[in-house]
PDB file of N, CA and C in Angstrom:
ATOM      1  N   MET A   1     128.884  39.531  -9.075  1.00  0.00           N
ATOM      2  CA  MET A   1     130.294  39.917  -9.094  1.00  0.00           C
ATOM      3  C   MET A   1     131.138  38.740  -9.569  1.00  0.00           C
ATOM      4  N   LYS A   2     131.988  38.975 -10.538  1.00  0.00           N
ATOM      5  CA  LYS A   2     132.810  37.886 -11.055  1.00  0.00           C
ATOM      6  C   LYS A   2     133.985  37.598 -10.123  1.00  0.00           C
ATOM      7  N   LYS A   3     134.369  36.344 -10.092  1.00  0.00           N
ATOM      8  CA  LYS A   3     135.512  35.932  -9.288  1.00  0.00           C
ATOM      9  C   LYS A   3     136.785  36.159 -10.094  1.00  0.00           C
ATOM     10  N   THR A   4     137.847  36.547  -9.396  1.00  0.00           N
ATOM     11  CA  THR A   4     139.116  36.791 -10.073  1.00  0.00           C
ATOM     12  C   THR A   4     140.260  36.079  -9.351  1.00  0.00           C
ATOM     13  N   ILE A   5     141.429  36.195  -9.922  1.00  0.00           N
ATOM     14  CA  ILE A   5     142.646  35.597  -9.371  1.00  0.00           C
ATOM     15  C   ILE A   5     142.998  36.268  -8.038  1.00  0.00           C
ATOM     16  N   PRO A   6     143.309  35.483  -7.006  1.00  0.00           N
ATOM     17  CA  PRO A   6     143.748  36.092  -5.740  1.00  0.00           C
ATOM     18  C   PRO A   6     145.024  36.919  -5.951  1.00  0.00           C
ATOM     19  N   ASN A   7     145.175  37.960  -5.191  1.00  0.00           N
ATOM     20  CA  ASN A   7     146.324  38.862  -5.332  1.00  0.00           C
ATOM     21  C   ASN A   7     147.662  38.126  -5.295  1.00  0.00           C
ATOM     22  N   ARG A   8     147.787  37.123  -4.448  1.00  0.00           N
ATOM     23  CA  ARG A   8     149.071  36.430  -4.299  1.00  0.00           C
ATOM     24  C   ARG A   8     149.466  35.641  -5.547  1.00  0.00           C
ATOM     25  N   TYR A   9     148.537  35.421  -6.471  1.00  0.00           N
ATOM     26  CA  TYR A   9     148.848  34.678  -7.707  1.00  0.00           C
ATOM     27  C   TYR A   9     148.913  35.574  -8.946  1.00  0.00           C
ATOM     28  N   ARG A  10     148.709  36.833  -8.771  1.00  0.00           N
ATOM     29  CA  ARG A  10     148.723  37.752  -9.910  1.00  0.00           C
ATOM     30  C   ARG A  10     150.088  37.831 -10.581  1.00  0.00           C
ATOM     31  N   LYS A  11     151.141  37.530  -9.835  1.00  0.00           N
ATOM     32  CA  LYS A  11     152.492  37.578 -10.400  1.00  0.00           C
ATOM     33  C   LYS A  11     152.668  36.595 -11.561  1.00  0.00           C
ATOM     34  N   TYR A  12     151.843  35.582 -11.642  1.00  0.00           N
ATOM     35  CA  TYR A  12     151.926  34.605 -12.720  1.00  0.00           C
ATOM     36  C   TYR A  12     151.272  35.104 -14.017  1.00  0.00           C
ATOM     37  N   PHE A  13     150.626  36.245 -13.927  1.00  0.00           N
ATOM     38  CA  PHE A  13     149.948  36.834 -15.088  1.00  0.00           C
ATOM     39  C   PHE A  13     150.531  38.214 -15.361  1.00  0.00           C
ATOM     40  N   TRP A  14     151.832  38.240 -15.512  1.00  0.00           N
ATOM     41  CA  TRP A  14     152.575  39.487 -15.662  1.00  0.00           C
ATOM     42  C   TRP A  14     152.267  40.240 -16.949  1.00  0.00           C
ATOM     43  N   ASP A  15     151.704  39.552 -17.923  1.00  0.00           N
ATOM     44  CA  ASP A  15     151.545  40.140 -19.244  1.00  0.00           C
ATOM     45  C   ASP A  15     150.112  40.561 -19.587  1.00  0.00           C
ATOM     46  N   ILE A  16     149.201  40.474 -18.621  1.00  0.00           N
ATOM     47  CA  ILE A  16     147.812  40.838 -18.896  1.00  0.00           C
ATOM     48  C   ILE A  16     147.227  41.646 -17.738  1.00  0.00           C
ATOM     49  N   ALA A  17     146.070  42.235 -17.967  1.00  0.00           N
ATOM     50  CA  ALA A  17     145.339  42.956 -16.915  1.00  0.00           C
ATOM     51  C   ALA A  17     144.524  41.927 -16.124  1.00  0.00           C
ATOM     52  N   VAL A  18     145.052  41.472 -15.004  1.00  0.00           N
ATOM     53  CA  VAL A  18     144.448  40.393 -14.221  1.00  0.00           C
ATOM     54  C   VAL A  18     143.054  40.757 -13.718  1.00  0.00           C
ATOM     55  N   GLU A  19     142.822  42.028 -13.428  1.00  0.00           N
ATOM     56  CA  GLU A  19     141.518  42.431 -12.902  1.00  0.00           C
ATOM     57  C   GLU A  19     140.385  42.157 -13.894  1.00  0.00           C
ATOM     58  N   ASN A  20     140.710  41.976 -15.164  1.00  0.00           N
ATOM     59  CA  ASN A  20     139.700  41.674 -16.185  1.00  0.00           C
ATOM     60  C   ASN A  20     139.570  40.178 -16.466  1.00  0.00           C
ATOM     61  N   LEU A  21     140.311  39.357 -15.760  1.00  0.00           N
ATOM     62  CA  LEU A  21     140.350  37.921 -16.006  1.00  0.00           C
ATOM     63  C   LEU A  21     139.309  37.206 -15.151  1.00  0.00           C
ATOM     64  N   ASP A  22     138.282  36.688 -15.778  1.00  0.00           N
ATOM     65  CA  ASP A  22     137.214  35.980 -15.080  1.00  0.00           C
ATOM     66  C   ASP A  22     137.591  34.507 -14.920  1.00  0.00           C
ATOM     67  N   LEU A  23     137.460  33.985 -13.700  1.00  0.00           N
ATOM     68  CA  LEU A  23     137.865  32.611 -13.397  1.00  0.00           C
ATOM     69  C   LEU A  23     137.136  31.563 -14.229  1.00  0.00           C
ATOM     70  N   GLN A  24     135.875  31.794 -14.509  1.00  0.00           N
ATOM     71  CA  GLN A  24     135.108  30.802 -15.256  1.00  0.00           C
ATOM     72  C   GLN A  24     135.278  30.954 -16.764  1.00  0.00           C
ATOM     73  N   GLU A  25     135.221  32.174 -17.239  1.00  0.00           N
ATOM     74  CA  GLU A  25     135.320  32.405 -18.684  1.00  0.00           C
ATOM     75  C   GLU A  25     136.682  32.023 -19.251  1.00  0.00           C
ATOM     76  N   LYS A  26     137.736  32.203 -18.485  1.00  0.00           N
ATOM     77  CA  LYS A  26     139.098  31.943 -18.968  1.00  0.00           C
ATOM     78  C   LYS A  26     139.768  30.815 -18.188  1.00  0.00           C
ATOM     79  N   SER A  27     138.977  29.841 -17.769  1.00  0.00           N
ATOM     80  CA  SER A  27     139.496  28.771 -16.923  1.00  0.00           C
ATOM     81  C   SER A  27     140.652  28.002 -17.565  1.00  0.00           C
ATOM     82  N   ASP A  28     140.551  27.675 -18.850  1.00  0.00           N
ATOM     83  CA  ASP A  28     141.625  26.924 -19.510  1.00  0.00           C
ATOM     84  C   ASP A  28     142.938  27.706 -19.472  1.00  0.00           C
ATOM     85  N   TYR A  29     142.859  28.986 -19.796  1.00  0.00           N
ATOM     86  CA  TYR A  29     144.052  29.842 -19.791  1.00  0.00           C
ATOM     87  C   TYR A  29     144.655  29.930 -18.391  1.00  0.00           C
ATOM     88  N   ILE A  30     143.817  30.154 -17.400  1.00  0.00           N
ATOM     89  CA  ILE A  30     144.279  30.305 -16.015  1.00  0.00           C
ATOM     90  C   ILE A  30     144.920  29.011 -15.525  1.00  0.00           C
ATOM     91  N   ILE A  31     144.258  27.901 -15.759  1.00  0.00           N
ATOM     92  CA  ILE A  31     144.788  26.608 -15.318  1.00  0.00           C
ATOM     93  C   ILE A  31     146.121  26.325 -15.990  1.00  0.00           C
ATOM     94  N   THR A  32     146.205  26.528 -17.286  1.00  0.00           N
ATOM     95  CA  THR A  32     147.451  26.273 -18.015  1.00  0.00           C
ATOM     96  C   THR A  32     148.583  27.126 -17.473  1.00  0.00           C
ATOM     97  N   ARG A  33     148.328  28.414 -17.315  1.00  0.00           N
ATOM     98  CA  ARG A  33     149.373  29.331 -16.844  1.00  0.00           C
ATOM     99  C   ARG A  33     149.853  28.945 -15.448  1.00  0.00           C
ATOM    100  N   LEU A  34     148.923  28.612 -14.569  1.00  0.00           N
ATOM    101  CA  LEU A  34     149.309  28.282 -13.197  1.00  0.00           C
ATOM    102  C   LEU A  34     149.967  26.911 -13.090  1.00  0.00           C
ATOM    103  N   LEU A  35     149.554  25.964 -13.920  1.00  0.00           N
ATOM    104  CA  LEU A  35     150.237  24.677 -13.930  1.00  0.00           C
ATOM    105  C   LEU A  35     151.677  24.827 -14.409  1.00  0.00           C
ATOM    106  N   GLU A  36     151.876  25.673 -15.383  1.00  0.00           N
ATOM    107  CA  GLU A  36     153.213  25.845 -15.957  1.00  0.00           C
ATOM    108  C   GLU A  36     154.151  26.611 -15.029  1.00  0.00           C
ATOM    109  N   PHE A  37     153.662  27.645 -14.384  1.00  0.00           N
ATOM    110  CA  PHE A  37     154.552  28.528 -13.625  1.00  0.00           C
ATOM    111  C   PHE A  37     154.356  28.494 -12.111  1.00  0.00           C
ATOM    112  N   GLY A  38     153.281  27.869 -11.646  1.00  0.00           N
ATOM    113  CA  GLY A  38     152.962  27.894 -10.227  1.00  0.00           C
ATOM    114  C   GLY A  38     153.756  26.904  -9.398  1.00  0.00           C
ATOM    115  N   ASN A  39     153.386  26.831  -8.128  1.00  0.00           N
ATOM    116  CA  ASN A  39     154.034  25.927  -7.182  1.00  0.00           C
ATOM    117  C   ASN A  39     152.958  25.069  -6.518  1.00  0.00           C
ATOM    118  N   ILE A  40     153.335  24.349  -5.477  1.00  0.00           N
ATOM    119  CA  ILE A  40     152.380  23.440  -4.828  1.00  0.00           C
ATOM    120  C   ILE A  40     151.212  24.203  -4.198  1.00  0.00           C
ATOM    121  N   GLU A  41     151.467  25.382  -3.668  1.00  0.00           N
ATOM    122  CA  GLU A  41     150.379  26.209  -3.107  1.00  0.00           C
ATOM    123  C   GLU A  41     149.379  26.575  -4.197  1.00  0.00           C
ATOM    124  N   VAL A  42     149.878  26.910  -5.369  1.00  0.00           N
ATOM    125  CA  VAL A  42     149.010  27.248  -6.500  1.00  0.00           C
ATOM    126  C   VAL A  42     148.194  26.031  -6.916  1.00  0.00           C
ATOM    127  N   LEU A  43     148.827  24.867  -6.933  1.00  0.00           N
ATOM    128  CA  LEU A  43     148.114  23.638  -7.290  1.00  0.00           C
ATOM    129  C   LEU A  43     146.975  23.365  -6.307  1.00  0.00           C
ATOM    130  N   ARG A  44     147.206  23.588  -5.035  1.00  0.00           N
ATOM    131  CA  ARG A  44     146.135  23.408  -4.041  1.00  0.00           C
ATOM    132  C   ARG A  44     144.972  24.352  -4.321  1.00  0.00           C
ATOM    133  N   TRP A  45     145.300  25.607  -4.660  1.00  0.00           N
ATOM    134  CA  TRP A  45     144.248  26.576  -4.967  1.00  0.00           C
ATOM    135  C   TRP A  45     143.485  26.150  -6.231  1.00  0.00           C
ATOM    136  N   LEU A  46     144.210  25.684  -7.240  1.00  0.00           N
ATOM    137  CA  LEU A  46     143.550  25.215  -8.463  1.00  0.00           C
ATOM    138  C   LEU A  46     142.572  24.086  -8.144  1.00  0.00           C
ATOM    139  N   LYS A  47     142.995  23.147  -7.318  1.00  0.00           N
ATOM    140  CA  LYS A  47     142.139  22.008  -6.989  1.00  0.00           C
ATOM    141  C   LYS A  47     140.918  22.422  -6.164  1.00  0.00           C
ATOM    142  N   LYS A  48     141.024  23.505  -5.402  1.00  0.00           N
ATOM    143  CA  LYS A  48     139.868  24.022  -4.662  1.00  0.00           C
ATOM    144  C   LYS A  48     138.934  24.814  -5.573  1.00  0.00           C
ATOM    145  N   THR A  49     139.494  25.408  -6.610  1.00  0.00           N
ATOM    146  CA  THR A  49     138.740  26.312  -7.475  1.00  0.00           C
ATOM    147  C   THR A  49     138.096  25.586  -8.660  1.00  0.00           C
ATOM    148  N   TYR A  50     138.783  24.601  -9.194  1.00  0.00           N
ATOM    149  CA  TYR A  50     138.318  23.888 -10.388  1.00  0.00           C
ATOM    150  C   TYR A  50     138.219  22.387 -10.104  1.00  0.00           C
ATOM    151  N   SER A  51     137.390  21.717 -10.860  1.00  0.00           N
ATOM    152  CA  SER A  51     137.251  20.265 -10.707  1.00  0.00           C
ATOM    153  C   SER A  51     138.488  19.552 -11.255  1.00  0.00           C
ATOM    154  N   ASP A  52     138.758  18.371 -10.728  1.00  0.00           N
ATOM    155  CA  ASP A  52     139.857  17.563 -11.253  1.00  0.00           C
ATOM    156  C   ASP A  52     139.628  17.264 -12.733  1.00  0.00           C
ATOM    157  N   LYS A  53     138.384  17.050 -13.109  1.00  0.00           N
ATOM    158  CA  LYS A  53     138.087  16.772 -14.514  1.00  0.00           C
ATOM    159  C   LYS A  53     138.511  17.925 -15.408  1.00  0.00           C
ATOM    160  N   LEU A  54     138.190  19.148 -15.012  1.00  0.00           N
ATOM    161  CA  LEU A  54     138.569  20.307 -15.825  1.00  0.00           C
ATOM    162  C   LEU A  54     140.085  20.442 -15.893  1.00  0.00           C
ATOM    163  N   ILE A  55     140.759  20.290 -14.767  1.00  0.00           N
ATOM    164  CA  ILE A  55     142.229  20.382 -14.765  1.00  0.00           C
ATOM    165  C   ILE A  55     142.824  19.281 -15.641  1.00  0.00           C
ATOM    166  N   ASN A  56     142.312  18.065 -15.520  1.00  0.00           N
ATOM    167  CA  ASN A  56     142.785  16.957 -16.356  1.00  0.00           C
ATOM    168  C   ASN A  56     142.579  17.253 -17.831  1.00  0.00           C
ATOM    169  N   ASP A  57     141.414  17.791 -18.184  1.00  0.00           N
ATOM    170  CA  ASP A  57     141.134  18.123 -19.582  1.00  0.00           C
ATOM    171  C   ASP A  57     142.114  19.153 -20.110  1.00  0.00           C
ATOM    172  N   VAL A  58     142.469  20.124 -19.292  1.00  0.00           N
ATOM    173  CA  VAL A  58     143.438  21.143 -19.703  1.00  0.00           C
ATOM    174  C   VAL A  58     144.808  20.499 -19.926  1.00  0.00           C
ATOM    175  N   VAL A  59     145.229  19.636 -19.015  1.00  0.00           N
ATOM    176  CA  VAL A  59     146.513  18.943 -19.186  1.00  0.00           C
ATOM    177  C   VAL A  59     146.501  18.139 -20.478  1.00  0.00           C
ATOM    178  N   LYS A  60     145.412  17.452 -20.744  1.00  0.00           N
ATOM    179  CA  LYS A  60     145.314  16.603 -21.933  1.00  0.00           C
ATOM    180  C   LYS A  60     145.359  17.391 -23.237  1.00  0.00           C
ATOM    181  N   LYS A  61     144.718  18.549 -23.288  1.00  0.00           N
ATOM    182  CA  LYS A  61     144.591  19.250 -24.568  1.00  0.00           C
ATOM    183  C   LYS A  61     145.513  20.457 -24.741  1.00  0.00           C
ATOM    184  N   SER A  62     146.267  20.808 -23.716  1.00  0.00           N
ATOM    185  CA  SER A  62     147.118  21.993 -23.796  1.00  0.00           C
ATOM    186  C   SER A  62     148.175  21.863 -24.886  1.00  0.00           C
ATOM    187  N   LYS A  63     148.377  22.951 -25.597  1.00  0.00           N
ATOM    188  CA  LYS A  63     149.422  23.018 -26.617  1.00  0.00           C
ATOM    189  C   LYS A  63     150.614  23.824 -26.127  1.00  0.00           C
ATOM    190  N   VAL A  64     150.521  24.367 -24.925  1.00  0.00           N
ATOM    191  CA  VAL A  64     151.588  25.245 -24.443  1.00  0.00           C
ATOM    192  C   VAL A  64     152.291  24.757 -23.181  1.00  0.00           C
ATOM    193  N   LEU A  65     151.796  23.722 -22.538  1.00  0.00           N
ATOM    194  CA  LEU A  65     152.515  23.187 -21.382  1.00  0.00           C
ATOM    195  C   LEU A  65     153.855  22.630 -21.856  1.00  0.00           C
ATOM    196  N   SER A  66     154.887  22.849 -21.077  1.00  0.00           N
ATOM    197  CA  SER A  66     156.185  22.258 -21.398  1.00  0.00           C
ATOM    198  C   SER A  66     156.094  20.752 -21.201  1.00  0.00           C
ATOM    199  N   ALA A  67     156.988  20.025 -21.830  1.00  0.00           N
ATOM    200  CA  ALA A  67     157.009  18.570 -21.667  1.00  0.00           C
ATOM    201  C   ALA A  67     157.236  18.210 -20.197  1.00  0.00           C
ATOM    202  N   LYS A  68     158.077  18.969 -19.530  1.00  0.00           N
ATOM    203  CA  LYS A  68     158.360  18.723 -18.109  1.00  0.00           C
ATOM    204  C   LYS A  68     157.086  18.851 -17.273  1.00  0.00           C
ATOM    205  N   SER A  69     156.351  19.934 -17.470  1.00  0.00           N
ATOM    206  CA  SER A  69     155.105  20.139 -16.725  1.00  0.00           C
ATOM    207  C   SER A  69     154.063  19.094 -17.100  1.00  0.00           C
ATOM    208  N   ALA A  70     153.914  18.837 -18.391  1.00  0.00           N
ATOM    209  CA  ALA A  70     152.912  17.860 -18.840  1.00  0.00           C
ATOM    210  C   ALA A  70     153.206  16.477 -18.272  1.00  0.00           C
ATOM    211  N   ASN A  71     154.460  16.083 -18.260  1.00  0.00           N
ATOM    212  CA  ASN A  71     154.822  14.787 -17.676  1.00  0.00           C
ATOM    213  C   ASN A  71     154.505  14.740 -16.186  1.00  0.00           C
ATOM    214  N   PHE A  72     154.864  15.807 -15.474  1.00  0.00           N
ATOM    215  CA  PHE A  72     154.603  15.843 -14.041  1.00  0.00           C
ATOM    216  C   PHE A  72     153.110  15.740 -13.749  1.00  0.00           C
ATOM    217  N   TYR A  73     152.306  16.587 -14.404  1.00  0.00           N
ATOM    218  CA  TYR A  73     150.875  16.582 -14.112  1.00  0.00           C
ATOM    219  C   TYR A  73     150.189  15.335 -14.645  1.00  0.00           C
ATOM    220  N   GLY A  74     150.701  14.766 -15.716  1.00  0.00           N
ATOM    221  CA  GLY A  74     150.182  13.481 -16.171  1.00  0.00           C
ATOM    222  C   GLY A  74     150.370  12.421 -15.106  1.00  0.00           C
ATOM    223  N   TYR A  75     151.548  12.406 -14.504  1.00  0.00           N
ATOM    224  CA  TYR A  75     151.822  11.462 -13.415  1.00  0.00           C
ATOM    225  C   TYR A  75     150.979  11.799 -12.186  1.00  0.00           C
ATOM    226  N   TYR A  76     150.934  13.072 -11.819  1.00  0.00           N
ATOM    227  CA  TYR A  76     150.212  13.514 -10.625  1.00  0.00           C
ATOM    228  C   TYR A  76     148.725  13.171 -10.709  1.00  0.00           C
ATOM    229  N   PHE A  77     148.122  13.404 -11.877  1.00  0.00           N
ATOM    230  CA  PHE A  77     146.693  13.163 -12.053  1.00  0.00           C
ATOM    231  C   PHE A  77     146.393  11.794 -12.669  1.00  0.00           C
ATOM    232  N   ASN A  78     147.434  10.972 -12.837  1.00  0.00           N
ATOM    233  CA  ASN A  78     147.270   9.625 -13.383  1.00  0.00           C
ATOM    234  C   ASN A  78     146.651   9.646 -14.789  1.00  0.00           C
ATOM    235  N   ILE A  79     147.191  10.512 -15.640  1.00  0.00           N
ATOM    236  CA  ILE A  79     146.740  10.622 -17.027  1.00  0.00           C
ATOM    237  C   ILE A  79     147.762   9.899 -17.903  1.00  0.00           C
ATOM    238  N   PRO A  80     147.343   8.925 -18.692  1.00  0.00           N
ATOM    239  CA  PRO A  80     148.287   8.237 -19.583  1.00  0.00           C
ATOM    240  C   PRO A  80     148.938   9.214 -20.575  1.00  0.00           C
ATOM    241  N   VAL A  81     150.207   9.024 -20.818  1.00  0.00           N
ATOM    242  CA  VAL A  81     150.959   9.896 -21.726  1.00  0.00           C
ATOM    243  C   VAL A  81     150.280   9.984 -23.090  1.00  0.00           C
ATOM    244  N   LYS A  82     149.732   8.887 -23.560  1.00  0.00           N
ATOM    245  CA  LYS A  82     149.105   8.874 -24.890  1.00  0.00           C
ATOM    246  C   LYS A  82     147.893   9.807 -24.980  1.00  0.00           C
ATOM    247  N   GLU A  83     147.374  10.259 -23.821  1.00  0.00           N
ATOM    248  CA  GLU A  83     146.226  11.165 -23.815  1.00  0.00           C
ATOM    249  C   GLU A  83     146.620  12.643 -23.702  1.00  0.00           C
ATOM    250  N   ILE A  84     147.907  12.925 -23.589  1.00  0.00           N
ATOM    251  CA  ILE A  84     148.373  14.301 -23.413  1.00  0.00           C
ATOM    252  C   ILE A  84     148.923  14.812 -24.739  1.00  0.00           C
ATOM    253  N   LEU A  85     148.208  15.737 -25.344  1.00  0.00           N
ATOM    254  CA  LEU A  85     148.523  16.223 -26.686  1.00  0.00           C
ATOM    255  C   LEU A  85     149.966  16.693 -26.833  1.00  0.00           C
ATOM    256  N   CYS A  86     150.434  17.533 -25.931  1.00  0.00           N
ATOM    257  CA  CYS A  86     151.762  18.126 -26.115  1.00  0.00           C
ATOM    258  C   CYS A  86     152.895  17.125 -25.919  1.00  0.00           C
ATOM    259  N   LEU A  87     152.593  15.899 -25.501  1.00  0.00           N
ATOM    260  CA  LEU A  87     153.619  14.869 -25.358  1.00  0.00           C
ATOM    261  C   LEU A  87     153.635  13.896 -26.534  1.00  0.00           C
ATOM    262  N   GLN A  88     152.716  14.078 -27.459  1.00  0.00           N
ATOM    263  CA  GLN A  88     152.656  13.182 -28.604  1.00  0.00           C
ATOM    264  C   GLN A  88     153.775  13.505 -29.587  1.00  0.00           C
ATOM    265  N   GLU A  89     154.386  12.478 -30.123  1.00  0.00           N
ATOM    266  CA  GLU A  89     155.532  12.650 -31.012  1.00  0.00           C
ATOM    267  C   GLU A  89     155.197  13.535 -32.205  1.00  0.00           C
ATOM    268  N   GLY A  90     154.063  13.335 -32.811  1.00  0.00           N
ATOM    269  CA  GLY A  90     153.670  14.151 -33.957  1.00  0.00           C
ATOM    270  C   GLY A  90     153.556  15.623 -33.593  1.00  0.00           C
ATOM    271  N   PHE A  91     153.013  15.906 -32.435  1.00  0.00           N
ATOM    272  CA  PHE A  91     152.883  17.294 -31.975  1.00  0.00           C
ATOM    273  C   PHE A  91     154.247  17.887 -31.689  1.00  0.00           C
ATOM    274  N   GLN A  92     155.112  17.147 -31.024  1.00  0.00           N
ATOM    275  CA  GLN A  92     156.446  17.646 -30.695  1.00  0.00           C
ATOM    276  C   GLN A  92     157.257  17.913 -31.947  1.00  0.00           C
ATOM    277  N   ASN A  93     157.186  17.027 -32.930  1.00  0.00           N
ATOM    278  CA  ASN A  93     157.927  17.234 -34.176  1.00  0.00           C
ATOM    279  C   ASN A  93     157.419  18.452 -34.928  1.00  0.00           C
ATOM    280  N   LYS A  94     156.113  18.630 -34.961  1.00  0.00           N
ATOM    281  CA  LYS A  94     155.531  19.795 -35.622  1.00  0.00           C
ATOM    282  C   LYS A  94     155.966  21.072 -34.926  1.00  0.00           C
ATOM    283  N   HIS A  95     155.952  21.054 -33.595  1.00  0.00           N
ATOM    284  CA  HIS A  95     156.359  22.216 -32.816  1.00  0.00           C
ATOM    285  C   HIS A  95     157.832  22.556 -33.084  1.00  0.00           C
ATOM    286  N   LYS A  96     158.686  21.551 -33.156  1.00  0.00           N
ATOM    287  CA  LYS A  96     160.118  21.784 -33.427  1.00  0.00           C
ATOM    288  C   LYS A  96     160.321  22.393 -34.804  1.00  0.00           C
ATOM    289  N   LYS A  97     159.557  21.971 -35.800  1.00  0.00           N
ATOM    290  CA  LYS A  97     159.679  22.521 -37.144  1.00  0.00           C
ATOM    291  C   LYS A  97     159.321  24.003 -37.164  1.00  0.00           C
ATOM    292  N   ILE A  98     158.298  24.359 -36.408  1.00  0.00           N
ATOM    293  CA  ILE A  98     157.851  25.752 -36.380  1.00  0.00           C
ATOM    294  C   ILE A  98     158.866  26.628 -35.669  1.00  0.00           C
ATOM    295  N   TRP A  99     159.344  26.188 -34.498  1.00  0.00           N
ATOM    296  CA  TRP A  99     160.213  27.012 -33.662  1.00  0.00           C
ATOM    297  C   TRP A  99     161.698  26.686 -33.809  1.00  0.00           C
ATOM    298  N   ASN A 100     162.016  25.555 -34.361  1.00  0.00           N
ATOM    299  CA  ASN A 100     163.403  25.173 -34.625  1.00  0.00           C
ATOM    300  C   ASN A 100     164.285  25.225 -33.364  1.00  0.00           C
ATOM    301  N   HIS A 101     163.749  24.734 -32.255  1.00  0.00           N
ATOM    302  CA  HIS A 101     164.531  24.687 -31.000  1.00  0.00           C
ATOM    303  C   HIS A 101     164.611  23.277 -30.494  1.00  0.00           C
TER     304      HIS A 101
END
């Protein structure tokens, strides 16, 4: 039986069928979504469910975390800013050109 998102966290996945979301197969997506929209309770659940290494890797390579979230989790997990993709100047400039915001 595959593991899924607990009912109390399903509200963070408003745009998909959560019952089809496998914790292991879609770990990067789940971690990113919960880091971006979750709270401290969600962070505790993430740390119980996934390794710090996996969470750190998601923070480092995510293209969708906001700068605010990426900065917070970089500080929280002691990840140097230079290792977080979405905080790199080249990435931010490219993103601004595409979305013009």
